[in-house]
Amino acid sequence: MAWLSRLMPDEYVASIYEIDLDALWRRGIRLILTDLDNTLVPWNHPDVPSELTAWLRDVHARGFHVCILSNNGEDRVGSFSKLCGVPAVSAAGKPKSRGFLEALRRFQMPPEAAAMVGDQLFTDIQGAKRLGLYAILVLPQNPVEWWGTKISRMAERVVLRRLEARGLRRPEPAADRRRFDD
């Protein structure tokens, strides 16, 4: 089942705040690409939480570059990008390579120096694995999602069970994890 290996993340963590940045640096990762909705903030959440601002400040202080890579449109992604001061590629077309390659070119990084962080197997993880990026799956921040994502989550649950049978360990959500209002 080679197709399953294209969906197996390199790491699976509860949230971006649990990513071991020191370990990424030791791996040679210098660019963190991250999905926006349900990875950094809940779907369509307009504000940048203070804990995200602090995390981004820490990531930059350690020497990483960060770029938002989202399938959402320019209005949503561009406004959030400006608020948090992080460059972005909108309408990325994940899992297709175009958006990933645009981000890599922008930062002049080879795929092996980049990690993709996202909450979806079929877009974030599959696209990253296709190009040889380090792939980090996070638990979705909120059950409220775009209707198309809700449909893909049904198939994703089946695949996650198969990946778990091959050794993937689902993280427990942090007890103190911040919850957002719908």
N, C-alpha and C. Protein backbone atom coordinates (compact mmCIF):
# COMPACT_ATOMS: atom_id res chain seq x y z
N MET A 1 0.83 -1.19 0.00
CA MET A 1 0.00 0.00 0.00
C MET A 1 0.87 1.25 0.00
N ALA A 2 1.50 1.48 -1.11
CA ALA A 2 2.38 2.64 -1.25
C ALA A 2 1.61 3.95 -1.10
N TRP A 3 0.35 3.94 -1.47
CA TRP A 3 -0.43 5.18 -1.36
C TRP A 3 -0.54 5.65 0.08
N LEU A 4 -0.54 4.73 1.03
CA LEU A 4 -0.60 5.13 2.44
C LEU A 4 0.66 5.86 2.88
N SER A 5 1.81 5.47 2.33
CA SER A 5 3.05 6.14 2.72
C SER A 5 3.06 7.59 2.26
N ARG A 6 2.31 7.91 1.20
CA ARG A 6 2.23 9.30 0.73
C ARG A 6 1.36 10.16 1.64
N LEU A 7 0.68 9.52 2.57
CA LEU A 7 -0.19 10.24 3.51
C LEU A 7 0.31 10.17 4.95
N MET A 8 1.37 9.42 5.18
CA MET A 8 1.90 9.26 6.55
C MET A 8 2.73 10.48 6.94
N PRO A 9 2.26 11.23 7.94
CA PRO A 9 3.06 12.38 8.38
C PRO A 9 4.34 11.92 9.07
N ASP A 10 5.33 12.80 9.07
CA ASP A 10 6.56 12.52 9.79
C ASP A 10 6.37 12.72 11.29
N GLU A 11 5.45 13.61 11.63
CA GLU A 11 5.09 13.86 13.03
C GLU A 11 3.60 14.11 13.11
N TYR A 12 3.03 13.83 14.28
CA TYR A 12 1.62 14.10 14.54
C TYR A 12 1.55 14.68 15.94
N VAL A 13 1.19 15.95 16.04
CA VAL A 13 1.15 16.64 17.32
C VAL A 13 -0.22 17.29 17.52
N ALA A 14 -0.53 17.63 18.75
CA ALA A 14 -1.83 18.21 19.05
C ALA A 14 -1.99 19.60 18.45
N SER A 15 -0.92 20.40 18.46
CA SER A 15 -1.03 21.77 17.94
C SER A 15 0.36 22.27 17.56
N ILE A 16 0.41 23.40 16.91
CA ILE A 16 1.70 23.98 16.53
C ILE A 16 2.58 24.23 17.74
N TYR A 17 1.95 24.46 18.87
CA TYR A 17 2.69 24.79 20.09
C TYR A 17 3.46 23.59 20.65
N GLU A 18 3.18 22.41 20.14
CA GLU A 18 3.87 21.20 20.60
C GLU A 18 4.94 20.72 19.63
N ILE A 19 5.19 21.48 18.58
CA ILE A 19 6.25 21.13 17.63
C ILE A 19 7.60 21.38 18.31
N ASP A 20 8.48 20.41 18.22
CA ASP A 20 9.82 20.53 18.79
C ASP A 20 10.69 21.32 17.80
N LEU A 21 10.79 22.61 18.01
CA LEU A 21 11.52 23.48 17.09
C LEU A 21 13.02 23.17 17.09
N ASP A 22 13.56 22.78 18.23
CA ASP A 22 14.98 22.41 18.29
C ASP A 22 15.26 21.19 17.41
N ALA A 23 14.36 20.23 17.46
CA ALA A 23 14.52 19.02 16.64
C ALA A 23 14.43 19.37 15.15
N LEU A 24 13.51 20.26 14.80
CA LEU A 24 13.41 20.69 13.39
C LEU A 24 14.72 21.33 12.94
N TRP A 25 15.26 22.20 13.77
CA TRP A 25 16.50 22.88 13.42
C TRP A 25 17.64 21.87 13.21
N ARG A 26 17.70 20.89 14.11
CA ARG A 26 18.75 19.86 13.99
C ARG A 26 18.59 19.05 12.70
N ARG A 27 17.35 18.91 12.21
CA ARG A 27 17.09 18.20 10.96
C ARG A 27 17.48 19.02 9.74
N GLY A 28 17.82 20.28 9.95
CA GLY A 28 18.16 21.15 8.83
C GLY A 28 16.98 21.93 8.28
N ILE A 29 15.85 21.89 8.98
CA ILE A 29 14.67 22.65 8.56
C ILE A 29 14.90 24.12 8.87
N ARG A 30 14.68 24.97 7.87
CA ARG A 30 14.85 26.41 8.05
C ARG A 30 13.59 27.19 7.66
N LEU A 31 12.67 26.52 6.97
CA LEU A 31 11.42 27.14 6.52
C LEU A 31 10.24 26.32 7.02
N ILE A 32 9.34 26.98 7.73
CA ILE A 32 8.11 26.33 8.19
C ILE A 32 6.96 26.89 7.37
N LEU A 33 6.39 26.03 6.54
CA LEU A 33 5.17 26.36 5.81
C LEU A 33 4.02 25.90 6.69
N THR A 34 3.00 26.71 6.81
CA THR A 34 1.89 26.33 7.67
C THR A 34 0.56 26.68 7.03
N ASP A 35 -0.36 25.76 7.14
CA ASP A 35 -1.73 26.00 6.75
C ASP A 35 -2.29 27.06 7.70
N LEU A 36 -3.40 27.67 7.32
CA LEU A 36 -4.00 28.72 8.14
C LEU A 36 -5.17 28.18 8.95
N ASP A 37 -6.27 27.89 8.27
CA ASP A 37 -7.51 27.54 8.96
C ASP A 37 -7.45 26.17 9.60
N ASN A 38 -7.77 26.15 10.87
CA ASN A 38 -7.77 24.98 11.74
C ASN A 38 -6.38 24.42 12.02
N THR A 39 -5.35 25.18 11.61
CA THR A 39 -3.97 24.86 11.97
C THR A 39 -3.43 25.97 12.87
N LEU A 40 -3.43 27.20 12.37
CA LEU A 40 -2.99 28.34 13.18
C LEU A 40 -4.13 28.88 14.03
N VAL A 41 -5.30 28.98 13.42
CA VAL A 41 -6.51 29.48 14.09
C VAL A 41 -7.70 28.68 13.58
N PRO A 42 -8.83 28.71 14.29
CA PRO A 42 -10.02 28.05 13.78
C PRO A 42 -10.44 28.62 12.42
N TRP A 43 -11.20 27.84 11.67
CA TRP A 43 -11.65 28.23 10.34
C TRP A 43 -12.27 29.63 10.34
N ASN A 44 -11.76 30.48 9.46
CA ASN A 44 -12.23 31.84 9.25
C ASN A 44 -12.11 32.75 10.47
N HIS A 45 -11.35 32.35 11.47
CA HIS A 45 -11.14 33.20 12.65
C HIS A 45 -10.29 34.40 12.21
N PRO A 46 -10.76 35.62 12.41
CA PRO A 46 -10.09 36.79 11.83
C PRO A 46 -8.90 37.32 12.63
N ASP A 47 -8.82 37.01 13.92
CA ASP A 47 -7.82 37.63 14.77
C ASP A 47 -6.61 36.73 14.98
N VAL A 48 -5.50 37.36 15.34
CA VAL A 48 -4.28 36.64 15.66
C VAL A 48 -4.19 36.55 17.18
N PRO A 49 -4.38 35.35 17.74
CA PRO A 49 -4.31 35.21 19.20
C PRO A 49 -2.91 35.55 19.72
N SER A 50 -2.85 36.02 20.95
CA SER A 50 -1.57 36.40 21.54
C SER A 50 -0.61 35.22 21.62
N GLU A 51 -1.13 34.00 21.86
CA GLU A 51 -0.23 32.85 21.93
C GLU A 51 0.37 32.54 20.55
N LEU A 52 -0.35 32.81 19.48
CA LEU A 52 0.20 32.63 18.14
C LEU A 52 1.27 33.68 17.87
N THR A 53 1.01 34.91 18.26
CA THR A 53 2.01 35.98 18.11
C THR A 53 3.30 35.61 18.84
N ALA A 54 3.17 35.10 20.05
CA ALA A 54 4.35 34.70 20.84
C ALA A 54 5.07 33.54 20.17
N TRP A 55 4.32 32.57 19.65
CA TRP A 55 4.93 31.42 18.98
C TRP A 55 5.70 31.87 17.74
N LEU A 56 5.09 32.74 16.94
CA LEU A 56 5.75 33.25 15.74
C LEU A 56 7.03 34.02 16.09
N ARG A 57 6.97 34.80 17.14
CA ARG A 57 8.14 35.55 17.59
C ARG A 57 9.26 34.57 17.98
N ASP A 58 8.92 33.50 18.69
CA ASP A 58 9.90 32.49 19.09
C ASP A 58 10.49 31.79 17.87
N VAL A 59 9.63 31.41 16.93
CA VAL A 59 10.08 30.72 15.72
C VAL A 59 11.08 31.60 14.95
N HIS A 60 10.73 32.87 14.78
CA HIS A 60 11.63 33.78 14.07
C HIS A 60 12.93 34.00 14.85
N ALA A 61 12.84 34.11 16.16
CA ALA A 61 14.04 34.32 16.99
C ALA A 61 15.01 33.15 16.87
N ARG A 62 14.49 31.97 16.60
CA ARG A 62 15.34 30.78 16.46
C ARG A 62 15.97 30.70 15.07
N GLY A 63 15.56 31.60 14.17
CA GLY A 63 16.15 31.64 12.83
C GLY A 63 15.32 31.04 11.72
N PHE A 64 14.13 30.56 12.04
CA PHE A 64 13.27 29.99 11.01
C PHE A 64 12.59 31.09 10.20
N HIS A 65 12.29 30.77 8.95
CA HIS A 65 11.38 31.57 8.13
C HIS A 65 10.02 30.88 8.24
N VAL A 66 8.94 31.65 8.16
CA VAL A 66 7.59 31.10 8.22
C VAL A 66 6.79 31.66 7.05
N CYS A 67 5.99 30.82 6.44
CA CYS A 67 5.12 31.25 5.35
C CYS A 67 3.79 30.49 5.47
N ILE A 68 2.70 31.22 5.41
CA ILE A 68 1.37 30.61 5.39
C ILE A 68 1.12 30.08 3.98
N LEU A 69 0.67 28.85 3.89
CA LEU A 69 0.36 28.20 2.61
C LEU A 69 -1.06 27.69 2.71
N SER A 70 -1.99 28.39 2.08
CA SER A 70 -3.41 28.09 2.27
C SER A 70 -4.14 27.97 0.93
N ASN A 71 -5.11 27.10 0.89
CA ASN A 71 -5.98 27.00 -0.27
C ASN A 71 -7.05 28.08 -0.28
N ASN A 72 -7.19 28.78 0.82
CA ASN A 72 -8.19 29.85 0.91
C ASN A 72 -7.76 31.01 0.02
N GLY A 73 -8.71 31.90 -0.26
CA GLY A 73 -8.48 33.01 -1.18
C GLY A 73 -7.65 34.14 -0.61
N GLU A 74 -7.26 35.05 -1.49
CA GLU A 74 -6.39 36.17 -1.15
C GLU A 74 -6.99 37.07 -0.07
N ASP A 75 -8.30 37.32 -0.10
CA ASP A 75 -8.90 38.20 0.91
C ASP A 75 -8.67 37.66 2.30
N ARG A 76 -8.99 36.40 2.52
CA ARG A 76 -8.84 35.77 3.83
C ARG A 76 -7.37 35.66 4.22
N VAL A 77 -6.59 35.08 3.34
CA VAL A 77 -5.19 34.79 3.65
C VAL A 77 -4.37 36.08 3.73
N GLY A 78 -4.59 36.99 2.79
CA GLY A 78 -3.84 38.24 2.77
C GLY A 78 -4.08 39.09 4.00
N SER A 79 -5.34 39.17 4.44
CA SER A 79 -5.62 39.99 5.62
C SER A 79 -5.01 39.38 6.87
N PHE A 80 -5.09 38.05 7.01
CA PHE A 80 -4.49 37.39 8.18
C PHE A 80 -2.96 37.52 8.12
N SER A 81 -2.40 37.36 6.95
CA SER A 81 -0.96 37.48 6.76
C SER A 81 -0.46 38.85 7.20
N LYS A 82 -1.17 39.89 6.84
CA LYS A 82 -0.77 41.25 7.24
C LYS A 82 -0.88 41.43 8.75
N LEU A 83 -1.95 40.89 9.34
CA LEU A 83 -2.13 41.02 10.79
C LEU A 83 -1.00 40.38 11.59
N CYS A 84 -0.55 39.22 11.13
CA CYS A 84 0.48 38.51 11.90
C CYS A 84 1.89 38.75 11.38
N GLY A 85 2.01 39.47 10.27
CA GLY A 85 3.34 39.80 9.76
C GLY A 85 4.10 38.64 9.17
N VAL A 86 3.36 37.67 8.62
CA VAL A 86 3.97 36.49 8.02
C VAL A 86 3.57 36.45 6.55
N PRO A 87 4.53 36.26 5.64
CA PRO A 87 4.18 36.17 4.22
C PRO A 87 3.30 34.96 3.96
N ALA A 88 2.59 35.00 2.83
CA ALA A 88 1.64 33.92 2.55
C ALA A 88 1.53 33.65 1.06
N VAL A 89 1.14 32.42 0.76
CA VAL A 89 0.74 32.01 -0.58
C VAL A 89 -0.72 31.58 -0.44
N SER A 90 -1.61 32.32 -1.08
CA SER A 90 -3.03 31.98 -1.04
C SER A 90 -3.41 31.21 -2.29
N ALA A 91 -4.60 30.61 -2.27
CA ALA A 91 -5.09 29.80 -3.39
C ALA A 91 -3.99 28.84 -3.86
N ALA A 92 -3.36 28.18 -2.90
CA ALA A 92 -2.17 27.37 -3.15
C ALA A 92 -2.45 26.10 -3.97
N GLY A 93 -3.68 25.64 -3.96
CA GLY A 93 -4.01 24.45 -4.73
C GLY A 93 -3.46 23.15 -4.17
N LYS A 94 -3.21 23.13 -2.84
CA LYS A 94 -2.71 21.90 -2.22
C LYS A 94 -3.72 20.77 -2.47
N PRO A 95 -3.29 19.58 -2.77
CA PRO A 95 -1.94 19.02 -2.65
C PRO A 95 -1.07 19.20 -3.89
N LYS A 96 -1.55 19.90 -4.90
CA LYS A 96 -0.71 20.12 -6.07
C LYS A 96 0.55 20.88 -5.65
N SER A 97 1.57 20.80 -6.46
CA SER A 97 2.90 21.31 -6.11
C SER A 97 3.05 22.82 -6.26
N ARG A 98 2.25 23.47 -7.07
CA ARG A 98 2.45 24.87 -7.41
C ARG A 98 2.67 25.78 -6.21
N GLY A 99 1.77 25.75 -5.24
CA GLY A 99 1.89 26.62 -4.07
C GLY A 99 3.11 26.32 -3.23
N PHE A 100 3.40 25.04 -3.05
CA PHE A 100 4.60 24.64 -2.31
C PHE A 100 5.85 25.18 -3.00
N LEU A 101 5.91 24.99 -4.32
CA LEU A 101 7.08 25.43 -5.08
C LEU A 101 7.23 26.95 -5.05
N GLU A 102 6.11 27.65 -5.10
CA GLU A 102 6.16 29.11 -5.02
C GLU A 102 6.77 29.56 -3.69
N ALA A 103 6.34 28.94 -2.60
CA ALA A 103 6.88 29.29 -1.28
C ALA A 103 8.37 28.94 -1.19
N LEU A 104 8.75 27.78 -1.68
CA LEU A 104 10.16 27.38 -1.66
C LEU A 104 11.02 28.35 -2.47
N ARG A 105 10.53 28.75 -3.64
CA ARG A 105 11.26 29.71 -4.48
C ARG A 105 11.39 31.06 -3.77
N ARG A 106 10.31 31.49 -3.16
CA ARG A 106 10.30 32.79 -2.48
C ARG A 106 11.39 32.87 -1.41
N PHE A 107 11.62 31.75 -0.74
CA PHE A 107 12.62 31.72 0.34
C PHE A 107 13.93 31.07 -0.09
N GLN A 108 14.01 30.69 -1.37
CA GLN A 108 15.21 30.06 -1.93
C GLN A 108 15.65 28.87 -1.08
N MET A 109 14.69 28.00 -0.81
CA MET A 109 14.95 26.81 0.01
C MET A 109 14.69 25.55 -0.80
N PRO A 110 15.51 24.53 -0.61
CA PRO A 110 15.21 23.23 -1.20
C PRO A 110 14.14 22.53 -0.36
N PRO A 111 13.42 21.59 -0.93
CA PRO A 111 12.36 20.91 -0.17
C PRO A 111 12.83 20.29 1.14
N GLU A 112 14.04 19.75 1.18
CA GLU A 112 14.52 19.09 2.40
C GLU A 112 14.81 20.07 3.54
N ALA A 113 14.78 21.38 3.26
CA ALA A 113 14.99 22.39 4.30
C ALA A 113 13.67 22.99 4.77
N ALA A 114 12.56 22.37 4.35
CA ALA A 114 11.24 22.91 4.69
C ALA A 114 10.36 21.86 5.35
N ALA A 115 9.51 22.34 6.25
CA ALA A 115 8.48 21.51 6.88
C ALA A 115 7.13 22.12 6.56
N MET A 116 6.14 21.27 6.36
CA MET A 116 4.76 21.71 6.17
C MET A 116 3.96 21.29 7.39
N VAL A 117 3.24 22.23 7.98
CA VAL A 117 2.40 21.97 9.14
C VAL A 117 0.96 22.18 8.72
N GLY A 118 0.12 21.19 8.94
CA GLY A 118 -1.29 21.34 8.57
C GLY A 118 -2.17 20.32 9.25
N ASP A 119 -3.48 20.55 9.12
CA ASP A 119 -4.45 19.70 9.80
C ASP A 119 -5.13 18.68 8.88
N GLN A 120 -4.75 18.65 7.59
CA GLN A 120 -5.43 17.75 6.67
C GLN A 120 -4.45 16.83 5.94
N LEU A 121 -4.77 15.55 5.93
CA LEU A 121 -3.94 14.57 5.24
C LEU A 121 -3.91 14.77 3.74
N PHE A 122 -5.08 14.99 3.13
CA PHE A 122 -5.19 14.98 1.67
C PHE A 122 -4.70 16.26 1.01
N THR A 123 -4.49 17.31 1.75
CA THR A 123 -3.98 18.55 1.17
C THR A 123 -2.57 18.83 1.70
N ASP A 124 -2.47 19.07 2.99
CA ASP A 124 -1.20 19.48 3.60
C ASP A 124 -0.15 18.38 3.57
N ILE A 125 -0.50 17.22 4.08
CA ILE A 125 0.48 16.13 4.23
C ILE A 125 0.81 15.52 2.87
N GLN A 126 -0.19 15.20 2.08
CA GLN A 126 0.06 14.61 0.77
C GLN A 126 0.91 15.53 -0.11
N GLY A 127 0.59 16.82 -0.12
CA GLY A 127 1.35 17.77 -0.92
C GLY A 127 2.79 17.87 -0.46
N ALA A 128 3.00 17.89 0.86
CA ALA A 128 4.35 17.97 1.40
C ALA A 128 5.16 16.72 1.05
N LYS A 129 4.58 15.56 1.26
CA LYS A 129 5.28 14.30 1.00
C LYS A 129 5.63 14.16 -0.49
N ARG A 130 4.74 14.63 -1.35
CA ARG A 130 4.97 14.54 -2.79
C ARG A 130 6.28 15.23 -3.18
N LEU A 131 6.62 16.34 -2.49
CA LEU A 131 7.81 17.11 -2.82
C LEU A 131 9.01 16.82 -1.92
N GLY A 132 8.83 15.97 -0.93
CA GLY A 132 9.93 15.64 -0.03
C GLY A 132 10.10 16.59 1.14
N LEU A 133 9.05 17.34 1.49
CA LEU A 133 9.09 18.20 2.67
C LEU A 133 8.82 17.35 3.90
N TYR A 134 9.31 17.79 5.03
CA TYR A 134 9.00 17.18 6.31
C TYR A 134 7.55 17.54 6.63
N ALA A 135 6.72 16.57 6.95
CA ALA A 135 5.27 16.78 7.09
C ALA A 135 4.82 16.60 8.54
N ILE A 136 4.19 17.65 9.08
CA ILE A 136 3.70 17.61 10.46
C ILE A 136 2.19 17.80 10.46
N LEU A 137 1.48 16.80 10.93
CA LEU A 137 0.03 16.85 11.05
C LEU A 137 -0.33 17.34 12.45
N VAL A 138 -1.28 18.28 12.52
CA VAL A 138 -1.80 18.75 13.81
C VAL A 138 -3.29 18.43 13.88
N LEU A 139 -3.79 18.30 15.10
CA LEU A 139 -5.22 18.12 15.28
C LEU A 139 -5.93 19.40 14.86
N PRO A 140 -7.09 19.30 14.20
CA PRO A 140 -7.84 20.51 13.85
C PRO A 140 -8.21 21.27 15.13
N GLN A 141 -8.14 22.59 15.07
CA GLN A 141 -8.41 23.41 16.24
C GLN A 141 -9.88 23.45 16.63
N ASN A 142 -10.75 23.27 15.68
CA ASN A 142 -12.18 23.47 15.94
C ASN A 142 -12.99 22.59 14.99
N PRO A 143 -14.11 22.04 15.42
CA PRO A 143 -14.92 21.22 14.51
C PRO A 143 -15.67 22.03 13.45
N VAL A 144 -15.74 23.34 13.60
CA VAL A 144 -16.42 24.17 12.61
C VAL A 144 -15.49 24.31 11.41
N GLU A 145 -15.98 23.90 10.22
CA GLU A 145 -15.16 23.91 9.02
C GLU A 145 -16.01 24.21 7.79
N TRP A 146 -15.33 24.48 6.69
CA TRP A 146 -15.98 24.61 5.39
C TRP A 146 -16.62 23.28 5.05
N TRP A 147 -17.76 23.30 4.36
CA TRP A 147 -18.50 22.06 4.08
C TRP A 147 -17.67 21.05 3.29
N GLY A 148 -16.83 21.51 2.38
CA GLY A 148 -15.99 20.60 1.60
C GLY A 148 -14.97 19.88 2.47
N THR A 149 -14.47 20.56 3.46
CA THR A 149 -13.52 19.94 4.38
C THR A 149 -14.22 18.88 5.22
N LYS A 150 -15.46 19.18 5.62
CA LYS A 150 -16.22 18.19 6.41
C LYS A 150 -16.38 16.88 5.64
N ILE A 151 -16.59 16.99 4.33
CA ILE A 151 -16.74 15.78 3.51
C ILE A 151 -15.42 15.02 3.44
N SER A 152 -14.31 15.74 3.21
CA SER A 152 -13.03 15.04 3.11
C SER A 152 -12.61 14.44 4.46
N ARG A 153 -13.09 15.01 5.56
CA ARG A 153 -12.76 14.46 6.89
C ARG A 153 -13.31 13.04 7.05
N MET A 154 -14.43 12.73 6.38
CA MET A 154 -14.97 11.37 6.50
C MET A 154 -13.99 10.35 5.93
N ALA A 155 -13.45 10.64 4.75
CA ALA A 155 -12.45 9.74 4.15
C ALA A 155 -11.15 9.77 4.96
N GLU A 156 -10.81 10.94 5.47
CA GLU A 156 -9.60 11.08 6.27
C GLU A 156 -9.64 10.19 7.52
N ARG A 157 -10.80 10.09 8.16
CA ARG A 157 -10.92 9.25 9.35
C ARG A 157 -10.59 7.79 9.03
N VAL A 158 -11.05 7.31 7.87
CA VAL A 158 -10.76 5.94 7.46
C VAL A 158 -9.26 5.76 7.25
N VAL A 159 -8.63 6.70 6.57
CA VAL A 159 -7.20 6.62 6.30
C VAL A 159 -6.40 6.73 7.60
N LEU A 160 -6.80 7.62 8.49
CA LEU A 160 -6.10 7.75 9.78
C LEU A 160 -6.12 6.44 10.55
N ARG A 161 -7.22 5.72 10.52
CA ARG A 161 -7.28 4.41 11.20
C ARG A 161 -6.25 3.45 10.60
N ARG A 162 -6.12 3.47 9.28
CA ARG A 162 -5.14 2.59 8.62
C ARG A 162 -3.71 3.02 8.96
N LEU A 163 -3.48 4.33 9.02
CA LEU A 163 -2.15 4.83 9.38
C LEU A 163 -1.83 4.49 10.84
N GLU A 164 -2.83 4.57 11.70
CA GLU A 164 -2.62 4.21 13.10
C GLU A 164 -2.28 2.72 13.22
N ALA A 165 -2.87 1.90 12.38
CA ALA A 165 -2.55 0.47 12.38
C ALA A 165 -1.10 0.25 11.94
N ARG A 166 -0.53 1.20 11.23
CA ARG A 166 0.87 1.13 10.78
C ARG A 166 1.81 1.88 11.71
N GLY A 167 1.31 2.33 12.87
CA GLY A 167 2.18 2.93 13.87
C GLY A 167 1.99 4.41 14.15
N LEU A 168 1.16 5.10 13.40
CA LEU A 168 0.91 6.51 13.69
C LEU A 168 0.18 6.63 15.02
N ARG A 169 0.67 7.51 15.89
CA ARG A 169 0.05 7.69 17.21
C ARG A 169 -0.67 9.01 17.25
N ARG A 170 -1.96 8.95 17.49
CA ARG A 170 -2.77 10.17 17.59
C ARG A 170 -2.47 10.86 18.91
N PRO A 171 -2.14 12.15 18.85
CA PRO A 171 -1.84 12.87 20.10
C PRO A 171 -3.12 13.20 20.86
N GLU A 172 -2.97 13.35 22.15
CA GLU A 172 -4.08 13.80 22.98
C GLU A 172 -4.11 15.32 22.95
N PRO A 173 -5.28 15.91 22.79
CA PRO A 173 -5.34 17.38 22.86
C PRO A 173 -4.87 17.83 24.24
N ALA A 174 -4.13 18.92 24.26
CA ALA A 174 -3.65 19.47 25.52
C ALA A 174 -4.83 19.88 26.38
N ALA A 175 -4.78 19.58 27.66
CA ALA A 175 -5.87 19.91 28.58
C ALA A 175 -6.11 21.41 28.66
N ASP A 176 -5.04 22.17 28.55
CA ASP A 176 -5.18 23.63 28.65
C ASP A 176 -5.30 24.30 27.29
N ARG A 177 -5.56 23.48 26.25
CA ARG A 177 -5.64 24.01 24.90
C ARG A 177 -6.74 25.06 24.79
N ARG A 178 -6.41 26.14 24.18
CA ARG A 178 -7.34 27.26 24.04
C ARG A 178 -8.49 26.88 23.12
N ARG A 179 -9.67 27.19 23.52
CA ARG A 179 -10.87 26.94 22.70
C ARG A 179 -11.41 28.26 22.20
N PHE A 180 -11.85 28.26 20.95
CA PHE A 180 -12.37 29.46 20.34
C PHE A 180 -13.88 29.36 20.21
N ASP A 181 -14.52 30.49 20.26
CA ASP A 181 -15.97 30.52 20.04
C ASP A 181 -16.25 30.32 18.57
N ASP A 182 -17.40 29.73 18.27
CA ASP A 182 -17.80 29.56 16.87
C ASP A 182 -18.02 30.93 16.32
